[in-house]
Amino acid sequence: MSTAEPTPQQDGDEELNKAIEQLKDVLHEEAPRGTGSAEAGSANHDLIMGIPVEVQIVLGTAEMPVSQLMALKKGSTVSLNRRIGEPVEIVVNGRRIARGEITLVDDDPSRFGVKLTEIAGGE
């Protein structure tokens, strides 16, 4: 009987979950009582808060055969799986953390942003 090998995606998700739990532990652990403990906790918090993460806004996805992909040229249109007005996904390091709607940036109407409408696991 063979055992199923975890896929690279499962391995990546497992690593990400483990890292998130470790970060939560560091951020929420109570510093031991004594001299310098508040500074050490603050230093850990500042260190973690300075870690860069990749944030992506996913407007939609498309699936097509390689032949159709290879036929794309300048001016081609790729139909996405979302319709106008549907929420976009906010993804951090490959994991969806929120959904939102496209909006114009108030101080620069030539740019757009995303207004969060739903936080994953939030209320």
N, C-alpha and C. Protein backbone atom coordinates (compact mmCIF):
# COMPACT_ATOMS: atom_id res chain seq x y z
N MET A 1 0.85 -1.18 0.00
CA MET A 1 0.00 0.00 0.00
C MET A 1 0.89 1.23 0.00
N SER A 2 0.60 2.18 -0.88
CA SER A 2 1.43 3.37 -0.99
C SER A 2 0.79 4.53 -0.24
N THR A 3 1.65 5.38 0.27
CA THR A 3 1.14 6.58 0.94
C THR A 3 1.25 7.74 -0.01
N ALA A 4 0.27 8.61 0.05
CA ALA A 4 0.26 9.78 -0.85
C ALA A 4 1.30 10.79 -0.40
N GLU A 5 2.11 11.24 -1.34
CA GLU A 5 3.10 12.28 -1.07
C GLU A 5 2.42 13.63 -1.08
N PRO A 6 2.72 14.52 -0.13
CA PRO A 6 2.13 15.85 -0.18
C PRO A 6 2.63 16.62 -1.40
N THR A 7 1.74 17.37 -2.01
CA THR A 7 2.12 18.18 -3.16
C THR A 7 2.94 19.37 -2.70
N PRO A 8 3.70 20.00 -3.61
CA PRO A 8 4.47 21.19 -3.22
C PRO A 8 3.56 22.29 -2.66
N GLN A 9 2.33 22.42 -3.20
CA GLN A 9 1.39 23.43 -2.68
C GLN A 9 1.04 23.14 -1.23
N GLN A 10 0.78 21.84 -0.91
CA GLN A 10 0.46 21.47 0.46
C GLN A 10 1.64 21.75 1.37
N ASP A 11 2.85 21.42 0.90
CA ASP A 11 4.05 21.70 1.68
C ASP A 11 4.17 23.20 1.95
N GLY A 12 3.94 24.00 0.91
CA GLY A 12 4.03 25.45 1.05
C GLY A 12 2.99 25.98 2.02
N ASP A 13 1.75 25.46 1.93
CA ASP A 13 0.70 25.88 2.85
C ASP A 13 1.05 25.49 4.28
N GLU A 14 1.61 24.28 4.44
CA GLU A 14 1.98 23.82 5.77
C GLU A 14 3.07 24.71 6.36
N GLU A 15 4.07 25.06 5.54
CA GLU A 15 5.15 25.93 6.01
C GLU A 15 4.61 27.31 6.37
N LEU A 16 3.71 27.83 5.52
CA LEU A 16 3.13 29.15 5.79
C LEU A 16 2.33 29.12 7.08
N ASN A 17 1.51 28.09 7.27
CA ASN A 17 0.72 27.99 8.50
C ASN A 17 1.63 27.92 9.72
N LYS A 18 2.70 27.15 9.63
CA LYS A 18 3.65 27.03 10.74
C LYS A 18 4.29 28.39 11.04
N ALA A 19 4.71 29.10 9.99
CA ALA A 19 5.33 30.41 10.18
C ALA A 19 4.35 31.40 10.81
N ILE A 20 3.10 31.36 10.35
CA ILE A 20 2.09 32.26 10.91
C ILE A 20 1.89 31.97 12.39
N GLU A 21 1.80 30.70 12.76
CA GLU A 21 1.62 30.34 14.17
C GLU A 21 2.81 30.80 15.00
N GLN A 22 4.02 30.65 14.47
CA GLN A 22 5.20 31.09 15.20
C GLN A 22 5.17 32.61 15.39
N LEU A 23 4.78 33.33 14.35
CA LEU A 23 4.69 34.78 14.46
C LEU A 23 3.64 35.18 15.49
N LYS A 24 2.50 34.50 15.48
CA LYS A 24 1.45 34.80 16.45
C LYS A 24 1.98 34.58 17.87
N ASP A 25 2.71 33.47 18.06
CA ASP A 25 3.27 33.18 19.38
C ASP A 25 4.21 34.30 19.83
N VAL A 26 5.08 34.74 18.94
CA VAL A 26 6.04 35.79 19.28
C VAL A 26 5.32 37.10 19.58
N LEU A 27 4.32 37.44 18.77
CA LEU A 27 3.62 38.70 18.95
C LEU A 27 2.76 38.73 20.20
N HIS A 28 2.20 37.58 20.57
CA HIS A 28 1.24 37.57 21.66
C HIS A 28 1.78 36.98 22.96
N GLU A 29 3.01 36.50 22.93
CA GLU A 29 3.55 35.95 24.18
C GLU A 29 3.79 37.06 25.18
N GLU A 30 3.56 36.73 26.42
CA GLU A 30 3.81 37.73 27.46
C GLU A 30 5.29 37.70 27.78
N ALA A 31 5.88 38.86 27.79
CA ALA A 31 7.31 38.95 28.11
C ALA A 31 7.50 38.60 29.58
N PRO A 32 8.58 37.89 29.91
CA PRO A 32 8.84 37.57 31.32
C PRO A 32 9.06 38.84 32.13
N ARG A 33 8.66 38.78 33.36
CA ARG A 33 8.82 39.93 34.24
C ARG A 33 10.29 40.18 34.52
N GLY A 34 10.65 41.43 34.61
CA GLY A 34 12.03 41.75 34.92
C GLY A 34 12.52 42.90 34.08
N THR A 35 13.75 43.29 34.32
CA THR A 35 14.33 44.42 33.63
C THR A 35 14.55 44.11 32.17
N GLY A 36 14.12 45.03 31.30
CA GLY A 36 14.38 44.89 29.88
C GLY A 36 13.37 44.04 29.13
N SER A 37 12.42 43.41 29.81
CA SER A 37 11.50 42.52 29.12
C SER A 37 10.57 43.29 28.18
N ALA A 38 10.16 44.48 28.55
CA ALA A 38 9.29 45.27 27.68
C ALA A 38 10.02 45.68 26.42
N GLU A 39 11.31 46.03 26.58
CA GLU A 39 12.08 46.42 25.42
C GLU A 39 12.29 45.23 24.48
N ALA A 40 12.52 44.04 25.03
CA ALA A 40 12.73 42.84 24.21
C ALA A 40 11.46 42.51 23.44
N GLY A 41 10.31 42.58 24.08
CA GLY A 41 9.04 42.33 23.40
C GLY A 41 8.80 43.33 22.30
N SER A 42 9.11 44.59 22.56
CA SER A 42 8.94 45.64 21.56
C SER A 42 9.89 45.43 20.39
N ALA A 43 11.10 44.99 20.68
CA ALA A 43 12.08 44.75 19.62
C ALA A 43 11.61 43.61 18.72
N ASN A 44 11.07 42.53 19.33
CA ASN A 44 10.55 41.42 18.54
C ASN A 44 9.40 41.89 17.66
N HIS A 45 8.51 42.66 18.24
CA HIS A 45 7.35 43.17 17.50
C HIS A 45 7.81 44.04 16.34
N ASP A 46 8.74 44.95 16.59
CA ASP A 46 9.24 45.83 15.54
C ASP A 46 9.94 45.04 14.44
N LEU A 47 10.70 44.02 14.83
CA LEU A 47 11.40 43.18 13.86
C LEU A 47 10.41 42.47 12.95
N ILE A 48 9.40 41.88 13.54
CA ILE A 48 8.40 41.14 12.76
C ILE A 48 7.58 42.09 11.89
N MET A 49 7.22 43.23 12.41
CA MET A 49 6.41 44.17 11.64
C MET A 49 7.18 44.75 10.46
N GLY A 50 8.50 44.62 10.47
CA GLY A 50 9.32 45.11 9.37
C GLY A 50 9.56 44.08 8.27
N ILE A 51 9.04 42.85 8.43
CA ILE A 51 9.24 41.82 7.43
C ILE A 51 8.38 42.14 6.20
N PRO A 52 9.01 42.22 5.02
CA PRO A 52 8.22 42.52 3.82
C PRO A 52 7.42 41.30 3.37
N VAL A 53 6.21 41.53 2.89
CA VAL A 53 5.38 40.48 2.33
C VAL A 53 4.89 40.93 0.96
N GLU A 54 4.58 39.98 0.10
CA GLU A 54 4.08 40.30 -1.23
C GLU A 54 2.55 40.35 -1.18
N VAL A 55 1.99 41.48 -1.56
CA VAL A 55 0.55 41.66 -1.60
C VAL A 55 0.12 41.73 -3.05
N GLN A 56 -0.85 40.90 -3.41
CA GLN A 56 -1.38 40.89 -4.77
C GLN A 56 -2.88 41.16 -4.72
N ILE A 57 -3.37 41.88 -5.71
CA ILE A 57 -4.79 42.08 -5.88
C ILE A 57 -5.17 41.28 -7.12
N VAL A 58 -6.01 40.27 -6.94
CA VAL A 58 -6.35 39.38 -8.04
C VAL A 58 -7.69 39.80 -8.62
N LEU A 59 -7.64 40.33 -9.84
CA LEU A 59 -8.87 40.75 -10.52
C LEU A 59 -9.65 39.55 -11.02
N GLY A 60 -8.98 38.48 -11.34
CA GLY A 60 -9.62 37.28 -11.84
C GLY A 60 -8.58 36.37 -12.45
N THR A 61 -9.05 35.21 -12.89
CA THR A 61 -8.16 34.25 -13.52
C THR A 61 -8.80 33.76 -14.82
N ALA A 62 -8.01 33.11 -15.63
CA ALA A 62 -8.49 32.54 -16.88
C ALA A 62 -7.79 31.20 -17.09
N GLU A 63 -8.50 30.29 -17.70
CA GLU A 63 -7.91 29.00 -18.04
C GLU A 63 -8.06 28.82 -19.54
N MET A 64 -6.97 28.42 -20.19
CA MET A 64 -7.01 28.25 -21.64
C MET A 64 -5.97 27.23 -22.04
N PRO A 65 -6.17 26.58 -23.18
CA PRO A 65 -5.15 25.65 -23.67
C PRO A 65 -3.90 26.40 -24.11
N VAL A 66 -2.79 25.72 -24.11
CA VAL A 66 -1.51 26.33 -24.49
C VAL A 66 -1.59 26.94 -25.88
N SER A 67 -2.31 26.28 -26.79
CA SER A 67 -2.40 26.80 -28.16
C SER A 67 -3.05 28.19 -28.18
N GLN A 68 -4.08 28.38 -27.35
CA GLN A 68 -4.73 29.70 -27.27
C GLN A 68 -3.80 30.71 -26.62
N LEU A 69 -3.06 30.29 -25.60
CA LEU A 69 -2.10 31.16 -24.94
C LEU A 69 -1.02 31.61 -25.92
N MET A 70 -0.53 30.69 -26.73
CA MET A 70 0.52 31.01 -27.69
C MET A 70 0.01 31.92 -28.82
N ALA A 71 -1.31 31.93 -29.04
CA ALA A 71 -1.89 32.76 -30.10
C ALA A 71 -2.13 34.20 -29.64
N LEU A 72 -1.94 34.48 -28.35
CA LEU A 72 -2.17 35.85 -27.85
C LEU A 72 -1.15 36.80 -28.47
N LYS A 73 -1.61 37.99 -28.78
CA LYS A 73 -0.72 39.01 -29.32
C LYS A 73 -1.18 40.36 -28.79
N LYS A 74 -0.44 41.39 -29.08
CA LYS A 74 -0.78 42.74 -28.63
C LYS A 74 -2.21 43.06 -29.10
N GLY A 75 -3.04 43.52 -28.17
CA GLY A 75 -4.42 43.85 -28.49
C GLY A 75 -5.40 42.73 -28.19
N SER A 76 -4.89 41.52 -27.89
CA SER A 76 -5.77 40.40 -27.54
C SER A 76 -6.46 40.68 -26.21
N THR A 77 -7.65 40.14 -26.04
CA THR A 77 -8.40 40.26 -24.79
C THR A 77 -8.51 38.88 -24.16
N VAL A 78 -8.19 38.81 -22.88
CA VAL A 78 -8.33 37.57 -22.12
C VAL A 78 -9.51 37.74 -21.19
N SER A 79 -10.53 36.89 -21.33
CA SER A 79 -11.71 36.96 -20.47
C SER A 79 -11.39 36.33 -19.13
N LEU A 80 -11.70 37.06 -18.06
CA LEU A 80 -11.46 36.56 -16.70
C LEU A 80 -12.71 35.90 -16.15
N ASN A 81 -12.54 35.17 -15.07
CA ASN A 81 -13.66 34.45 -14.47
C ASN A 81 -14.54 35.33 -13.58
N ARG A 82 -14.28 36.61 -13.53
CA ARG A 82 -15.07 37.53 -12.71
C ARG A 82 -15.77 38.55 -13.58
N ARG A 83 -16.87 39.06 -13.07
CA ARG A 83 -17.62 40.09 -13.78
C ARG A 83 -17.36 41.44 -13.14
N ILE A 84 -17.65 42.50 -13.87
CA ILE A 84 -17.51 43.86 -13.35
C ILE A 84 -18.38 43.98 -12.10
N GLY A 85 -17.82 44.55 -11.05
CA GLY A 85 -18.55 44.73 -9.80
C GLY A 85 -18.35 43.62 -8.80
N GLU A 86 -17.86 42.47 -9.23
CA GLU A 86 -17.58 41.38 -8.29
C GLU A 86 -16.34 41.74 -7.48
N PRO A 87 -16.26 41.24 -6.25
CA PRO A 87 -15.08 41.58 -5.43
C PRO A 87 -13.80 40.98 -5.99
N VAL A 88 -12.69 41.68 -5.73
CA VAL A 88 -11.37 41.17 -6.07
C VAL A 88 -10.77 40.55 -4.82
N GLU A 89 -9.76 39.72 -4.99
CA GLU A 89 -9.14 39.06 -3.84
C GLU A 89 -7.83 39.74 -3.49
N ILE A 90 -7.60 39.89 -2.20
CA ILE A 90 -6.33 40.41 -1.70
C ILE A 90 -5.56 39.20 -1.18
N VAL A 91 -4.38 38.97 -1.76
CA VAL A 91 -3.59 37.78 -1.47
C VAL A 91 -2.24 38.21 -0.92
N VAL A 92 -1.84 37.63 0.21
CA VAL A 92 -0.54 37.90 0.80
C VAL A 92 0.25 36.61 0.83
N ASN A 93 1.41 36.65 0.18
CA ASN A 93 2.29 35.47 0.09
C ASN A 93 1.51 34.22 -0.34
N GLY A 94 0.62 34.39 -1.32
CA GLY A 94 -0.10 33.26 -1.87
C GLY A 94 -1.37 32.86 -1.15
N ARG A 95 -1.72 33.54 -0.08
CA ARG A 95 -2.91 33.18 0.70
C ARG A 95 -3.91 34.32 0.69
N ARG A 96 -5.20 34.01 0.36
CA ARG A 96 -6.23 35.04 0.35
C ARG A 96 -6.51 35.47 1.78
N ILE A 97 -6.40 36.78 2.02
CA ILE A 97 -6.66 37.29 3.36
C ILE A 97 -7.88 38.20 3.42
N ALA A 98 -8.33 38.67 2.23
CA ALA A 98 -9.45 39.60 2.21
C ALA A 98 -10.04 39.68 0.81
N ARG A 99 -11.18 40.35 0.73
CA ARG A 99 -11.80 40.69 -0.55
C ARG A 99 -12.10 42.18 -0.51
N GLY A 100 -12.22 42.76 -1.70
CA GLY A 100 -12.50 44.19 -1.75
C GLY A 100 -13.06 44.60 -3.08
N GLU A 101 -13.31 45.90 -3.20
CA GLU A 101 -13.82 46.45 -4.45
C GLU A 101 -12.86 47.50 -4.97
N ILE A 102 -12.76 47.57 -6.29
CA ILE A 102 -11.87 48.54 -6.93
C ILE A 102 -12.44 49.94 -6.72
N THR A 103 -11.55 50.88 -6.39
CA THR A 103 -11.96 52.26 -6.17
C THR A 103 -10.86 53.19 -6.66
N LEU A 104 -11.20 54.44 -6.95
CA LEU A 104 -10.20 55.43 -7.32
C LEU A 104 -9.55 55.95 -6.05
N VAL A 105 -8.26 56.24 -6.11
CA VAL A 105 -7.54 56.81 -4.98
C VAL A 105 -7.93 58.29 -4.89
N ASP A 106 -8.37 58.73 -3.71
CA ASP A 106 -8.88 60.10 -3.52
C ASP A 106 -7.90 61.18 -3.95
N ASP A 107 -6.64 61.05 -3.53
CA ASP A 107 -5.67 62.12 -3.79
C ASP A 107 -5.00 62.01 -5.16
N ASP A 108 -5.32 60.95 -5.93
CA ASP A 108 -4.74 60.79 -7.27
C ASP A 108 -5.72 60.01 -8.15
N PRO A 109 -6.63 60.69 -8.84
CA PRO A 109 -7.65 60.00 -9.63
C PRO A 109 -7.10 59.21 -10.82
N SER A 110 -5.82 59.33 -11.10
CA SER A 110 -5.23 58.54 -12.18
C SER A 110 -4.83 57.15 -11.69
N ARG A 111 -4.98 56.90 -10.38
CA ARG A 111 -4.63 55.60 -9.80
C ARG A 111 -5.85 54.98 -9.16
N PHE A 112 -5.84 53.67 -9.06
CA PHE A 112 -6.93 53.01 -8.36
C PHE A 112 -6.38 52.15 -7.24
N GLY A 113 -7.25 51.81 -6.31
CA GLY A 113 -6.88 50.99 -5.17
C GLY A 113 -8.00 50.01 -4.88
N VAL A 114 -7.95 49.40 -3.72
CA VAL A 114 -8.95 48.42 -3.33
C VAL A 114 -9.48 48.79 -1.95
N LYS A 115 -10.79 48.90 -1.84
CA LYS A 115 -11.45 49.15 -0.56
C LYS A 115 -11.84 47.79 0.01
N LEU A 116 -11.32 47.45 1.20
CA LEU A 116 -11.59 46.15 1.80
C LEU A 116 -13.05 46.05 2.20
N THR A 117 -13.68 44.95 1.82
CA THR A 117 -15.08 44.72 2.18
C THR A 117 -15.26 43.48 3.04
N GLU A 118 -14.25 42.61 3.05
CA GLU A 118 -14.34 41.37 3.82
C GLU A 118 -12.94 40.93 4.20
N ILE A 119 -12.73 40.59 5.46
CA ILE A 119 -11.46 40.06 5.93
C ILE A 119 -11.64 38.56 6.15
N ALA A 120 -10.74 37.74 5.63
CA ALA A 120 -10.84 36.28 5.80
C ALA A 120 -10.80 35.93 7.27
N GLY A 121 -11.75 35.14 7.71
CA GLY A 121 -11.79 34.73 9.10
C GLY A 121 -12.27 35.80 10.03
N GLY A 122 -12.55 37.00 9.51
CA GLY A 122 -13.02 38.13 10.33
C GLY A 122 -14.52 38.18 10.35
N GLU A 123 -15.03 39.14 11.07
CA GLU A 123 -16.47 39.32 11.17
C GLU A 123 -16.95 40.41 10.28
